[in-house]
Structure formats: C-alpha cells, structure tokens
Amino acid sequence: MLGAVLFLRVCCLVGTTLLTHQSFIPPFDHQNEEGERTIKGWVFSGSASVHQHFVRLTPDRLFRRGAMHTVTPFLLQTEEFSALFKFRIAGKDPHDHGEGLCLWVTDKTWEMQLGLGTQFKGIGIVFDSYHTPITPNHKDISIYYNDGMSTERELLAKKQGCNVPLMRYHTQRADVGFQNTSVAMLVFRDRTFSLHIDPLGSGDWTPCAYVTVKLDADWLQHSRFAVTGTTGTLTNNHDALSLLMYDSSWEAEAMYTDLHHHRRDEIKTFIESWEHAFVDVKETIHNALHTLQTRETRLEQQITQLEERLKTNVFEELDSRLDALEEMNVQSLANHEEQLAIRVSKFDTFLDQHETGLMHRLEPLETQLQVTLSDKLERRLQILEERVRQSLDSRIARLENVLQHTLHQEAAALDSRWGAPFFVILFAWAALLYIVISKLQFLAALLLGRTTRNV
C-alpha cells in the first residue's frame, strides 16, 4: 500500500498521470463474486492466480499457461507513453529451466499465450530464461513487431533484443529471496519503442532494443496491455508484481528512480516474504497431492486394466481348456464308440462263428438223439402194445369166462323155468361185452397215438 501511495504522491507533485485502468500494483485485496482474489479492470485465464502481492502466471510445473489482459484499451490523449513492468522469473532447478514470460502491447483481446502468431498488431516482448547457444540469433529478451501482415519467418527475422543472463533466479540459493526481482521499462515516443532492463532490480538500467513501428494513427488508442506466461518440459515460476503506465515518455524512469531510493517498510517486507513462502509451500503441497492423485488414478487404471486382462485371460484360458476338454471328451467318446463298435462287431462275429459251430455240432446230436429216441420209443411202444394186448386179452378172457359161466347159469335157469327171458339177458351181455371191447381198443389206439406224437 505504501508503494501505491508513494507513486500517486510523486505523480501529483510533478503533474504526471498514472493510467490506473492499465496499471496494477499490490496489495491486491479486491475479490470477485466467487470470493477469489482479483484485480479490477483485468481478466485472468489459464493457470494465472492472484495473490496479495503478486500474480503468478505459471507455477514451477510442467505444461502450464497463464494470461492476464486489461478490459479497456489505452484511450491515450497523447502519442507517447512509458511503463514499468516489475516481474520475477525463478525456479528450483539450477540448470533445466525455461519457456518464458511475455508483455504485449496489442489490439487483441483474446487470451494470448507464449509463442507468436501472425494475427496481432503491435509488439510482444519475450523474456526467455532458457539459454540455447546452438539457436542462431538467440536473445534472452526479444521484441517482435507485427503490422498484422507478417509471417512467422518475417517476425523471427526482424526481431530485436538483448542478452541478460542474470534475469532468472535460482530459489534454492541462500542469497535469493522474494525481493530479487527484475524491471523492464518500455517507452513509446515518435513511433519508436525503446526497451531498458534492470535484471537485478538494482536501479541500473541496461538498454536492450529499439523498434520503430508503422501502424495506423489510431492503433495506440485501441491497444492494451497483456501479460502471459508458459511452461513446457522446462519450467519456472513466472510472477508479475506490478505494471505502471504513464501518459508521457519520461515519467516511468523518474518514478522508478524515486521508488528505488525509498526505504522499504520492514513489516511489508516480512508480509511479502511470508506470502511468497506460503504460496511456494501451498503449490508444493498441491503439486504433491496432484502427483499422488495422478499416481492413484494411474494405479487404479492399471489395476482395472490388470483385472480386465486377468478376467480376459482367465476366461480365455477357461474357454480354451473347456474347448480342449470338450474336444478330448468328444474324441474320447468317438474312440470309445469306435472301439465298442469294433468289440460288438467282433462279438457278433464270434457269436456267429460259435452259432455256426454249435449248429454243426447240434445237427449230429439231434440226429443221434432222434435215432436213439426212436429206437427207445419203438421198444417202449412194442412193450406197451404187448402189455396192452396181454391186458386186453386177459380181460377179454376173463369176461368171456364170466360170460360163459353166466350163460351156463342162465341156460340152466332157463331150462328149469322159462326160455324167453334167457335170450334177452344173453343179448344184453353180448352187447355189453362188445361195448367194453370197443372202449379198450379205443383207449389203446389213443395211448399209442400220444406216444408217437411225443416222439
């Protein structure tokens, strides 16, 4: 706050005008509707973040881009101006660091990034901390002028600049702190931009470059400031600390000289130091958390991929084994069926052969059995016939004897009594004898017929 009061006091004393709508100076205590710290009249994008005493365009991290530009154009009442841009490029790595910080004076309102295009009118001042001696025409600080019609090759060919090797600070050194800053003074007069640099913030200016522009007469009225920072595979902290723009070409140097000889407030110095340390710790923790989250996400993805691969491999292995087992079972069943068919065929052949052999063996046995049975049956029939004949003869003889005896008795009775009934009784006995003999003959024939059929 003391710095702002000092600038405004000196400006009033000498009759100068500070263009506040194009300037910013700490502390930055304004907050937007979301409660985020911001600067009135400026728009921020990308990785740019506003703190109380500085704007960090990019942290010391890979592939970050931050930008800030004013809402309104210059709207100057003069054809000249001067500006003081205080910045700080620093990082932890003593060797591998790079990319850069840019200060633009252009009519564009889009979010500008490091890396020149061909669609702007004005100038771009690139503060490049990466030293590349093998690159021809390399400059630590370069001014690119474009009238809106130049190609990228033309821009590179006509760039102006200078080399300032001490412009980047290594934060791990004991003699380096937040108070180590750099200041660039930009002056526009007689359609010529001149750039001076104080790389160590010591108050000693070093002339850097002069560029004459040929643009429309009203170009300056419609132009505005923008600051951008970019990191890639090489990184740095790119901090913008203040930007003061005046409507004359000499005021910036006078203001800077007066400010440089003013003694800094120790309390303010302590607060700024604490804030820088706090932001560094916060960014370190945030980066560590981000790294852990990234690793966790990567591990989860790897675990998911491994699970998917495991599932896929297990299922494929199971399917392969099942297919192999099914194929083996089918082949085994086919082999068993084939072997069973062969065995059944052999068994059928064996049965056929044995059946044929048995038939050949049975035929003589049957013939022999028939002959034997026939002989035995004939002998038995002969015996039976003989027995039946003898039995019949014996019975017939007994019946004849009984009949004769009866007839003699009846004849004797007839002679003594009467003759007619004797003939009747005789006839009845004769008929009875005939019936008995017929029955016996029938039974003998029936017995012989059954025996023959059994044979």
Protein backbone atom coordinates (compact mmCIF):
# COMPACT_ATOMS: atom_id res chain seq x y z
CA MET A 1 0.00 0.00 0.00
CA LEU A 2 2.88 2.31 0.76
CA GLY A 3 4.24 1.89 -2.77
CA ALA A 4 0.94 2.95 -4.34
CA VAL A 5 0.69 6.00 -2.09
CA LEU A 6 4.25 6.95 -2.98
CA PHE A 7 3.60 6.66 -6.73
CA LEU A 8 0.43 8.68 -6.54
CA ARG A 9 2.09 11.34 -4.36
CA VAL A 10 5.02 11.82 -6.74
CA CYS A 11 2.74 11.83 -9.76
CA CYS A 12 0.68 14.57 -8.25
CA LEU A 13 3.72 16.63 -7.37
CA VAL A 14 5.15 16.65 -10.86
CA GLY A 15 1.83 16.78 -12.69
CA THR A 16 2.05 13.31 -14.21
CA THR A 17 -0.81 10.97 -14.96
CA LEU A 18 -0.85 7.29 -13.93
CA LEU A 19 -3.23 5.35 -16.17
CA THR A 20 -4.85 3.22 -13.47
CA HIS A 21 -7.04 1.25 -15.88
CA GLN A 22 -3.84 -0.11 -17.46
CA SER A 23 -1.83 -0.49 -14.26
CA PHE A 24 -1.76 -2.77 -11.25
CA ILE A 25 0.25 -2.54 -8.05
CA PRO A 26 -0.01 -4.56 -4.82
CA PRO A 27 -1.64 -5.20 -2.46
CA PHE A 28 -4.43 -6.94 -4.39
CA ASP A 29 -7.33 -7.08 -1.92
CA HIS A 30 -10.29 -6.98 -4.28
CA GLN A 31 -12.42 -10.15 -4.52
CA ASN A 32 -14.94 -11.22 -7.13
CA GLU A 33 -18.38 -12.74 -6.56
CA GLU A 34 -16.87 -16.20 -6.02
CA GLY A 35 -14.62 -14.85 -3.26
CA GLU A 36 -11.48 -15.16 -5.39
CA ARG A 37 -8.78 -12.50 -5.23
CA THR A 38 -8.67 -10.44 -8.45
CA ILE A 39 -7.63 -7.04 -9.89
CA LYS A 40 -10.16 -4.56 -11.14
CA GLY A 41 -10.00 -3.94 -14.86
CA TRP A 42 -8.08 -7.14 -15.62
CA VAL A 43 -9.15 -10.54 -16.94
CA PHE A 44 -7.29 -13.72 -15.95
CA SER A 45 -7.19 -17.10 -17.64
CA GLY A 46 -5.37 -20.41 -17.61
CA SER A 47 -3.11 -21.09 -14.64
CA ALA A 48 -2.91 -17.39 -13.61
CA SER A 49 -3.69 -16.85 -9.91
CA VAL A 50 -3.82 -13.56 -7.98
CA HIS A 51 -2.18 -13.32 -4.56
CA GLN A 52 -1.96 -10.32 -2.26
CA HIS A 53 1.40 -9.06 -3.52
CA PHE A 54 1.92 -10.72 -6.90
CA VAL A 55 0.21 -12.52 -9.78
CA ARG A 56 1.58 -15.98 -10.52
CA LEU A 57 1.04 -16.67 -14.21
CA THR A 58 2.61 -20.14 -14.10
CA PRO A 59 3.91 -22.21 -11.19
CA ASP A 60 7.16 -24.13 -11.45
CA ARG A 61 5.30 -27.04 -13.04
CA LEU A 62 5.13 -28.71 -16.42
CA PHE A 63 2.88 -27.52 -19.25
CA ARG A 64 1.15 -24.55 -17.64
CA ARG A 65 -0.20 -21.46 -19.41
CA GLY A 66 -1.48 -18.31 -17.75
CA ALA A 67 -2.60 -14.95 -19.10
CA MET A 68 -3.98 -11.58 -17.99
CA HIS A 69 -5.06 -8.56 -20.01
CA THR A 70 -6.87 -5.28 -19.43
CA VAL A 71 -10.57 -4.86 -20.09
CA THR A 72 -10.33 -1.41 -21.69
CA PRO A 73 -7.82 -0.07 -24.26
CA PHE A 74 -5.31 2.72 -23.63
CA LEU A 75 -7.51 5.65 -24.75
CA LEU A 76 -4.44 7.95 -24.59
CA GLN A 77 -4.65 11.68 -25.09
CA THR A 78 -1.01 11.74 -26.23
CA GLU A 79 1.09 9.94 -28.84
CA GLU A 80 3.55 8.65 -26.26
CA PHE A 81 3.65 6.66 -23.03
CA SER A 82 6.04 4.88 -20.69
CA ALA A 83 5.58 1.86 -18.47
CA LEU A 84 7.39 -0.01 -15.70
CA PHE A 85 6.86 -3.77 -15.59
CA LYS A 86 8.17 -5.47 -12.49
CA PHE A 87 8.42 -9.25 -12.68
CA ARG A 88 10.20 -12.24 -11.26
CA ILE A 89 11.36 -15.40 -13.03
CA ALA A 90 12.58 -18.04 -10.60
CA GLY A 91 12.71 -21.79 -10.10
CA LYS A 92 14.19 -24.63 -8.08
CA ASP A 93 16.16 -26.34 -10.84
CA PRO A 94 19.63 -24.82 -11.26
CA HIS A 95 20.11 -25.98 -14.84
CA ASP A 96 16.99 -27.29 -16.63
CA HIS A 97 14.58 -24.36 -16.74
CA GLY A 98 12.95 -22.39 -19.47
CA GLU A 99 9.95 -21.26 -21.51
CA GLY A 100 9.09 -17.63 -20.82
CA LEU A 101 7.16 -14.55 -19.82
CA CYS A 102 5.65 -12.07 -22.33
CA LEU A 103 4.49 -8.46 -22.16
CA TRP A 104 2.21 -7.48 -25.03
CA VAL A 105 1.03 -4.18 -26.45
CA THR A 106 -1.60 -5.17 -28.97
CA ASP A 107 -5.15 -4.54 -30.14
CA LYS A 108 -6.16 -8.15 -29.48
CA THR A 109 -8.46 -9.11 -26.60
CA TRP A 110 -8.12 -12.89 -26.93
CA GLU A 111 -6.27 -14.97 -24.36
CA MET A 112 -2.68 -14.64 -25.52
CA GLN A 113 -0.07 -17.31 -24.95
CA LEU A 114 3.68 -17.51 -25.34
CA GLY A 115 4.51 -18.46 -28.90
CA LEU A 116 3.94 -15.85 -31.57
CA GLY A 117 1.17 -15.97 -34.08
CA THR A 118 0.65 -13.71 -37.07
CA GLN A 119 -2.75 -12.29 -36.19
CA PHE A 120 -1.82 -9.37 -33.94
CA LYS A 121 -0.87 -5.71 -34.43
CA GLY A 122 1.68 -4.32 -32.03
CA ILE A 123 4.67 -5.65 -30.17
CA GLY A 124 5.42 -8.63 -27.98
CA ILE A 125 8.30 -8.61 -25.52
CA VAL A 126 9.52 -12.13 -24.68
CA PHE A 127 11.63 -12.73 -21.57
CA ASP A 128 13.25 -16.11 -22.27
CA SER A 129 15.30 -17.67 -19.46
CA TYR A 130 16.33 -20.74 -21.46
CA HIS A 131 19.78 -20.30 -22.94
CA THR A 132 20.17 -22.06 -26.29
CA PRO A 133 23.57 -21.20 -27.75
CA ILE A 134 23.03 -23.53 -30.68
CA THR A 135 20.00 -21.49 -31.80
CA PRO A 136 21.04 -18.72 -34.23
CA ASN A 137 20.12 -15.16 -33.28
CA HIS A 138 19.03 -16.20 -29.78
CA LYS A 139 18.10 -13.39 -27.39
CA ASP A 140 17.24 -13.56 -23.71
CA ILE A 141 14.88 -10.63 -24.34
CA SER A 142 13.28 -10.22 -27.77
CA ILE A 143 10.87 -7.65 -29.20
CA TYR A 144 8.63 -8.84 -32.01
CA TYR A 145 6.82 -6.25 -34.08
CA ASN A 146 3.89 -7.16 -36.30
CA ASP A 147 1.73 -4.98 -38.51
CA GLY A 148 -0.79 -7.78 -38.87
CA MET A 149 0.63 -8.94 -42.21
CA SER A 150 3.98 -10.50 -41.26
CA THR A 151 4.64 -14.22 -41.45
CA GLU A 152 6.30 -16.10 -38.63
CA ARG A 153 9.56 -16.27 -40.56
CA GLU A 154 9.49 -12.47 -41.08
CA LEU A 155 8.79 -11.92 -37.39
CA LEU A 156 11.78 -14.01 -36.39
CA ALA A 157 13.99 -12.35 -38.98
CA LYS A 158 13.32 -8.75 -37.86
CA LYS A 159 13.18 -9.30 -34.10
CA GLN A 160 15.32 -7.09 -31.86
CA GLY A 161 16.61 -7.80 -28.36
CA CYS A 162 19.49 -8.36 -25.99
CA ASN A 163 21.04 -10.99 -23.73
CA VAL A 164 20.68 -10.65 -19.95
CA PRO A 165 21.95 -13.86 -18.31
CA LEU A 166 21.14 -12.81 -14.71
CA MET A 167 17.42 -12.34 -15.23
CA ARG A 168 16.38 -15.73 -13.76
CA TYR A 169 16.78 -16.59 -10.05
CA HIS A 170 17.57 -19.97 -8.51
CA THR A 171 15.32 -20.17 -5.43
CA GLN A 172 17.44 -22.86 -3.72
CA ARG A 173 20.32 -20.45 -3.25
CA ALA A 174 20.66 -18.93 0.21
CA ASP A 175 21.14 -15.39 -1.17
CA VAL A 176 17.96 -15.47 -3.28
CA GLY A 177 14.56 -14.45 -1.95
CA PHE A 178 11.30 -12.83 -2.94
CA GLN A 179 13.00 -9.41 -3.03
CA ASN A 180 15.02 -10.48 -6.07
CA THR A 181 13.09 -9.05 -9.00
CA SER A 182 13.62 -7.64 -12.47
CA VAL A 183 12.17 -4.49 -14.02
CA ALA A 184 11.57 -3.63 -17.67
CA MET A 185 10.95 -0.05 -18.79
CA LEU A 186 9.06 0.39 -22.04
CA VAL A 187 8.96 3.83 -23.68
CA PHE A 188 6.99 4.78 -26.80
CA ARG A 189 7.80 8.11 -28.49
CA ASP A 190 7.99 9.25 -32.10
CA ARG A 191 6.51 5.87 -33.20
CA THR A 192 9.51 4.05 -31.68
CA PHE A 193 9.52 1.54 -28.81
CA SER A 194 12.62 1.51 -26.62
CA LEU A 195 13.21 -1.16 -24.01
CA HIS A 196 15.50 -0.91 -20.97
CA ILE A 197 16.06 -3.68 -18.45
CA ASP A 198 17.16 -3.76 -14.83
CA PRO A 199 17.67 -7.55 -14.40
CA LEU A 200 18.62 -7.44 -10.69
CA GLY A 201 16.30 -4.62 -9.59
CA SER A 202 19.38 -2.62 -8.58
CA GLY A 203 18.35 0.66 -10.24
CA ASP A 204 20.87 0.32 -13.07
CA TRP A 205 19.26 0.38 -16.49
CA THR A 206 20.66 -1.52 -19.46
CA PRO A 207 19.48 -0.51 -22.96
CA CYS A 208 18.08 -3.54 -24.74
CA ALA A 209 16.32 -2.76 -28.03
CA TYR A 210 14.67 -0.11 -30.21
CA VAL A 211 11.84 -0.86 -32.63
CA THR A 212 10.12 1.58 -34.96
CA VAL A 213 6.53 0.69 -35.81
CA LYS A 214 4.43 1.66 -38.82
CA LEU A 215 0.84 1.26 -37.79
CA ASP A 216 -2.43 3.14 -38.12
CA ALA A 217 -2.65 6.53 -36.45
CA ASP A 218 -5.36 5.35 -34.03
CA TRP A 219 -3.68 2.00 -33.29
CA LEU A 220 -2.34 3.15 -29.92
CA GLN A 221 -5.79 4.28 -28.77
CA HIS A 222 -7.23 0.79 -29.32
CA SER A 223 -4.28 -1.16 -27.89
CA ARG A 224 -3.98 -2.64 -24.41
CA PHE A 225 -1.52 -4.45 -22.17
CA ALA A 226 -1.41 -8.20 -21.71
CA VAL A 227 0.95 -10.46 -19.79
CA THR A 228 1.33 -14.17 -20.48
CA GLY A 229 3.48 -16.98 -19.13
CA THR A 230 4.14 -20.51 -20.36
CA THR A 231 5.97 -23.62 -19.24
CA GLY A 232 6.53 -26.83 -21.15
CA THR A 233 9.01 -29.59 -20.49
CA LEU A 234 11.11 -26.88 -18.81
CA THR A 235 9.59 -24.82 -16.02
CA ASN A 236 9.83 -21.66 -13.94
CA ASN A 237 7.70 -19.53 -11.65
CA HIS A 238 6.56 -16.57 -13.77
CA ASP A 239 5.32 -13.79 -11.48
CA ALA A 240 4.01 -10.34 -12.43
CA LEU A 241 4.45 -7.96 -9.47
CA SER A 242 3.33 -4.62 -10.87
CA LEU A 243 2.71 -2.65 -14.06
CA LEU A 244 2.63 1.12 -14.07
CA MET A 245 1.70 3.04 -17.23
CA TYR A 246 2.10 6.81 -17.65
CA ASP A 247 0.93 9.15 -20.39
CA SER A 248 4.42 10.58 -21.03
CA SER A 249 7.69 9.02 -22.09
CA TRP A 250 9.87 10.23 -19.20
CA GLU A 251 7.72 9.64 -16.10
CA ALA A 252 8.41 5.93 -15.74
CA GLU A 253 12.14 6.38 -15.23
CA ALA A 254 11.60 9.21 -12.73
CA MET A 255 9.13 7.15 -10.76
CA TYR A 256 11.40 4.13 -10.68
CA THR A 257 14.40 6.19 -9.53
CA ASP A 258 12.39 7.70 -6.70
CA LEU A 259 10.97 4.31 -5.70
CA HIS A 260 14.37 2.66 -5.76
CA HIS A 261 15.81 5.14 -3.29
CA HIS A 262 12.83 4.84 -0.97
CA ARG A 263 13.41 2.63 2.04
CA ARG A 264 11.20 -0.42 2.16
CA ASP A 265 8.85 -0.99 5.06
CA GLU A 266 10.18 -3.92 7.13
CA ILE A 267 6.67 -5.12 8.07
CA LYS A 268 5.60 -5.08 4.44
CA THR A 269 8.79 -6.89 3.52
CA PHE A 270 8.04 -9.57 6.11
CA ILE A 271 4.45 -9.98 4.86
CA GLU A 272 5.59 -10.30 1.25
CA SER A 273 8.26 -12.80 2.22
CA TRP A 274 5.75 -14.84 4.22
CA GLU A 275 3.27 -14.79 1.34
CA HIS A 276 5.85 -16.00 -1.17
CA ALA A 277 6.92 -18.79 1.17
CA PHE A 278 3.30 -19.73 1.86
CA VAL A 279 2.44 -19.83 -1.85
CA ASP A 280 5.51 -21.96 -2.55
CA VAL A 281 4.55 -24.41 0.21
CA LYS A 282 0.94 -24.41 -0.95
CA GLU A 283 1.95 -25.10 -4.54
CA THR A 284 4.36 -27.82 -3.37
CA ILE A 285 1.59 -29.50 -1.37
CA HIS A 286 -0.89 -29.04 -4.21
CA ASN A 287 1.59 -30.49 -6.67
CA ALA A 288 2.32 -33.40 -4.31
CA LEU A 289 -1.41 -34.06 -3.92
CA HIS A 290 -1.89 -33.76 -7.66
CA THR A 291 1.01 -36.14 -8.22
CA LEU A 292 -0.45 -38.59 -5.70
CA GLN A 293 -3.90 -38.29 -7.28
CA THR A 294 -2.39 -38.78 -10.71
CA ARG A 295 -0.48 -41.81 -9.49
CA GLU A 296 -3.60 -43.11 -7.72
CA THR A 297 -5.66 -42.63 -10.86
CA ARG A 298 -2.93 -44.27 -12.92
CA LEU A 299 -2.70 -47.15 -10.43
CA GLU A 300 -6.49 -47.55 -10.45
CA GLN A 301 -6.42 -47.60 -14.23
CA GLN A 302 -3.59 -50.11 -14.19
CA ILE A 303 -5.44 -52.23 -11.62
CA THR A 304 -8.59 -52.03 -13.72
CA GLN A 305 -6.62 -52.96 -16.80
CA LEU A 306 -4.95 -55.82 -14.92
CA GLU A 307 -8.35 -57.00 -13.66
CA GLU A 308 -9.75 -56.82 -17.16
CA ARG A 309 -6.70 -58.61 -18.54
CA LEU A 310 -6.92 -61.18 -15.75
CA LYS A 311 -10.61 -61.71 -16.38
CA THR A 312 -9.98 -61.89 -20.09
CA ASN A 313 -7.03 -64.24 -19.68
CA VAL A 314 -8.87 -66.41 -17.15
CA PHE A 315 -11.98 -66.58 -19.30
CA GLU A 316 -9.90 -67.24 -22.38
CA GLU A 317 -7.92 -69.90 -20.52
CA LEU A 318 -11.12 -71.45 -19.17
CA ASP A 319 -12.74 -71.34 -22.59
CA SER A 320 -9.60 -72.82 -24.12
CA ARG A 321 -9.46 -75.56 -21.52
CA LEU A 322 -13.16 -76.25 -21.79
CA ASP A 323 -12.86 -76.41 -25.55
CA ALA A 324 -9.87 -78.73 -25.18
CA LEU A 325 -11.76 -80.90 -22.67
CA GLU A 326 -14.83 -80.96 -24.88
CA GLU A 327 -12.69 -81.84 -27.85
CA MET A 328 -10.92 -84.51 -25.80
CA ASN A 329 -14.25 -85.84 -24.50
CA VAL A 330 -15.76 -85.84 -27.96
CA GLN A 331 -12.66 -87.53 -29.34
CA SER A 332 -12.62 -89.96 -26.42
CA LEU A 333 -16.29 -90.74 -26.85
CA ALA A 334 -15.76 -91.21 -30.55
CA ASN A 335 -12.82 -93.51 -29.84
CA HIS A 336 -14.82 -95.43 -27.23
CA GLU A 337 -17.77 -95.70 -29.59
CA GLU A 338 -15.47 -96.88 -32.33
CA GLN A 339 -13.79 -99.39 -30.00
CA LEU A 340 -17.19 -100.51 -28.68
CA ALA A 341 -18.48 -100.93 -32.23
CA ILE A 342 -15.36 -102.95 -33.08
CA ARG A 343 -15.85 -105.11 -29.99
CA VAL A 344 -19.56 -105.55 -30.70
CA SER A 345 -18.72 -106.46 -34.27
CA LYS A 346 -16.11 -108.92 -33.06
CA PHE A 347 -18.56 -110.33 -30.55
CA ASP A 348 -21.23 -110.65 -33.22
CA THR A 349 -18.70 -112.39 -35.43
CA PHE A 350 -17.70 -114.59 -32.53
CA LEU A 351 -21.35 -115.42 -31.83
CA ASP A 352 -21.99 -116.12 -35.49
CA GLN A 353 -18.97 -118.38 -35.64
CA HIS A 354 -19.91 -120.18 -32.43
CA GLU A 355 -23.54 -120.36 -33.50
CA THR A 356 -22.44 -121.95 -36.76
CA GLY A 357 -20.19 -124.34 -34.87
CA LEU A 358 -22.95 -125.15 -32.41
CA MET A 359 -25.37 -125.73 -35.25
CA HIS A 360 -22.87 -128.08 -36.85
CA ARG A 361 -22.41 -129.85 -33.53
CA LEU A 362 -26.14 -129.93 -32.75
CA GLU A 363 -27.17 -131.44 -36.07
CA PRO A 364 -25.40 -134.81 -35.43
CA LEU A 365 -26.59 -134.71 -31.82
CA GLU A 366 -30.17 -134.13 -32.91
CA THR A 367 -29.87 -136.89 -35.49
CA GLN A 368 -28.34 -139.22 -32.91
CA LEU A 369 -30.95 -138.21 -30.34
CA GLN A 370 -33.78 -138.79 -32.81
CA VAL A 371 -32.38 -142.18 -33.70
CA THR A 372 -31.90 -143.07 -30.05
CA LEU A 373 -35.31 -141.80 -29.04
CA SER A 374 -36.96 -143.52 -31.98
CA ASP A 375 -35.36 -146.80 -31.04
CA LYS A 376 -36.26 -146.39 -27.40
CA LEU A 377 -39.81 -145.28 -28.23
CA GLU A 378 -40.32 -148.16 -30.62
CA ARG A 379 -39.12 -150.55 -27.95
CA ARG A 380 -41.32 -148.96 -25.37
CA LEU A 381 -44.27 -148.91 -27.78
CA GLN A 382 -43.73 -152.50 -28.53
CA ILE A 383 -43.61 -153.27 -24.83
CA LEU A 384 -46.70 -151.12 -24.21
CA GLU A 385 -48.54 -152.71 -27.10
CA GLU A 386 -47.57 -156.08 -25.80
CA ARG A 387 -48.69 -155.19 -22.29
CA VAL A 388 -51.94 -153.68 -23.56
CA ARG A 389 -52.55 -156.62 -25.77
CA GLN A 390 -51.87 -159.00 -22.94
CA SER A 391 -54.01 -156.94 -20.58
CA LEU A 392 -56.83 -156.80 -23.13
CA ASP A 393 -56.51 -160.47 -23.86
CA SER A 394 -56.55 -161.22 -20.17
CA ARG A 395 -59.55 -159.04 -19.52
CA ILE A 396 -61.37 -160.34 -22.58
CA ALA A 397 -60.63 -163.90 -21.48
CA ARG A 398 -61.95 -163.15 -18.01
CA LEU A 399 -65.02 -161.52 -19.48
CA GLU A 400 -65.54 -164.46 -21.80
CA ASN A 401 -65.23 -166.82 -18.88
CA VAL A 402 -67.61 -164.78 -16.80
CA LEU A 403 -69.96 -164.59 -19.73
CA GLN A 404 -69.81 -168.26 -20.43
CA HIS A 405 -70.32 -169.00 -16.79
CA THR A 406 -73.22 -166.66 -16.68
CA LEU A 407 -74.64 -168.04 -19.84
CA HIS A 408 -74.40 -171.56 -18.49
CA GLN A 409 -76.14 -170.45 -15.34
CA GLU A 410 -78.82 -168.65 -17.27
CA ALA A 411 -79.21 -171.50 -19.65
CA ALA A 412 -79.66 -173.83 -16.78
CA ALA A 413 -82.16 -171.48 -15.20
CA LEU A 414 -83.97 -171.11 -18.47
CA ASP A 415 -84.24 -174.78 -18.89
CA SER A 416 -85.75 -175.04 -15.49
CA ARG A 417 -88.11 -172.11 -15.58
CA TRP A 418 -88.77 -170.24 -18.77
CA GLY A 419 -86.93 -169.68 -22.11
CA ALA A 420 -87.87 -166.22 -23.37
CA PRO A 421 -86.11 -164.08 -20.79
CA PHE A 422 -82.90 -166.10 -21.27
CA PHE A 423 -82.42 -164.78 -24.78
CA VAL A 424 -82.96 -161.24 -23.66
CA ILE A 425 -80.32 -161.48 -20.94
CA LEU A 426 -77.92 -163.21 -23.30
CA PHE A 427 -78.30 -160.50 -25.82
CA ALA A 428 -77.69 -157.76 -23.19
CA TRP A 429 -74.49 -159.48 -22.03
CA ALA A 430 -73.28 -159.78 -25.59
CA ALA A 431 -73.90 -156.08 -26.22
CA LEU A 432 -72.15 -155.13 -23.01
CA LEU A 433 -69.15 -157.23 -23.93
CA TYR A 434 -68.95 -155.58 -27.34
CA ILE A 435 -69.00 -152.13 -25.83
CA VAL A 436 -66.26 -152.97 -23.32
CA ILE A 437 -64.04 -154.43 -26.01
CA SER A 438 -64.59 -151.32 -28.25
CA LYS A 439 -63.66 -148.99 -25.41
CA LEU A 440 -60.50 -150.90 -24.61
CA GLN A 441 -59.43 -150.84 -28.25
CA PHE A 442 -60.08 -147.08 -28.43
CA LEU A 443 -58.04 -146.44 -25.33
CA ALA A 444 -55.18 -148.50 -26.68
CA ALA A 445 -55.20 -146.61 -30.01
CA LEU A 446 -55.33 -143.24 -28.19
CA LEU A 447 -52.38 -144.17 -25.98
CA LEU A 448 -50.31 -145.26 -28.93
CA GLY A 449 -51.10 -142.06 -30.87
CA ARG A 450 -49.96 -139.73 -27.99
CA THR A 451 -46.74 -141.63 -27.56
CA THR A 452 -45.99 -141.30 -31.23
CA ARG A 453 -46.60 -137.54 -31.18
CA ASN A 454 -44.27 -137.07 -28.19
CA VAL A 455 -41.52 -138.90 -30.03
